[in-house]
Amino acid sequence: MPAFKVIKKDKETDARTGEIKTLHGIVNTPCFMPVATLG
């Protein structure tokens, strides 16, 4: 049951930082998540 919570938001650009809570733990955003495909 993932949930997203905004921690801080920039008033000029609407950029934001936050955290995603999952059953496996918390992921702070923004984050770099490499994704690869075969082919």
Protein backbone atom coordinates (compact mmCIF):
# COMPACT_ATOMS: atom_id res chain seq x y z
CA MET A 1 0.00 0.00 0.00
CA PRO A 2 2.32 2.81 -1.22
CA ALA A 3 1.72 6.34 0.04
CA PHE A 4 3.37 9.62 -1.04
CA LYS A 5 3.99 12.50 1.37
CA VAL A 6 5.29 15.92 0.28
CA ILE A 7 8.07 17.13 2.60
CA LYS A 8 9.00 20.45 0.96
CA LYS A 9 7.66 22.40 -2.05
CA ASP A 10 9.25 25.29 -3.96
CA LYS A 11 6.85 28.23 -4.41
CA GLU A 12 8.41 29.44 -7.67
CA THR A 13 8.77 26.20 -9.63
CA ASP A 14 6.45 23.73 -7.84
CA ALA A 15 9.43 21.37 -7.48
CA ARG A 16 9.02 19.13 -4.46
CA THR A 17 10.74 16.61 -2.26
CA GLY A 18 8.93 13.85 -0.51
CA GLU A 19 8.87 10.26 0.59
CA ILE A 20 7.16 7.15 -0.66
CA LYS A 21 6.22 4.65 2.04
CA THR A 22 5.98 1.00 1.01
CA LEU A 23 5.77 -2.26 2.90
CA HIS A 24 9.54 -2.62 2.38
CA GLY A 25 10.53 0.82 3.68
CA ILE A 26 10.72 4.51 2.78
CA VAL A 27 12.12 5.96 -0.47
CA ASN A 28 13.09 9.64 -0.39
CA THR A 29 12.34 11.57 -3.58
CA PRO A 30 13.63 12.76 -5.93
CA CYS A 31 15.84 9.71 -6.39
CA PHE A 32 17.72 8.07 -9.23
CA MET A 33 16.22 4.69 -10.12
CA PRO A 34 18.00 3.04 -13.01
CA VAL A 35 15.73 0.89 -15.15
CA ALA A 36 16.99 -1.48 -17.82
CA THR A 37 15.24 -3.42 -20.54
CA LEU A 38 16.41 -6.43 -22.48
CA GLY A 39 17.04 -5.87 -26.16
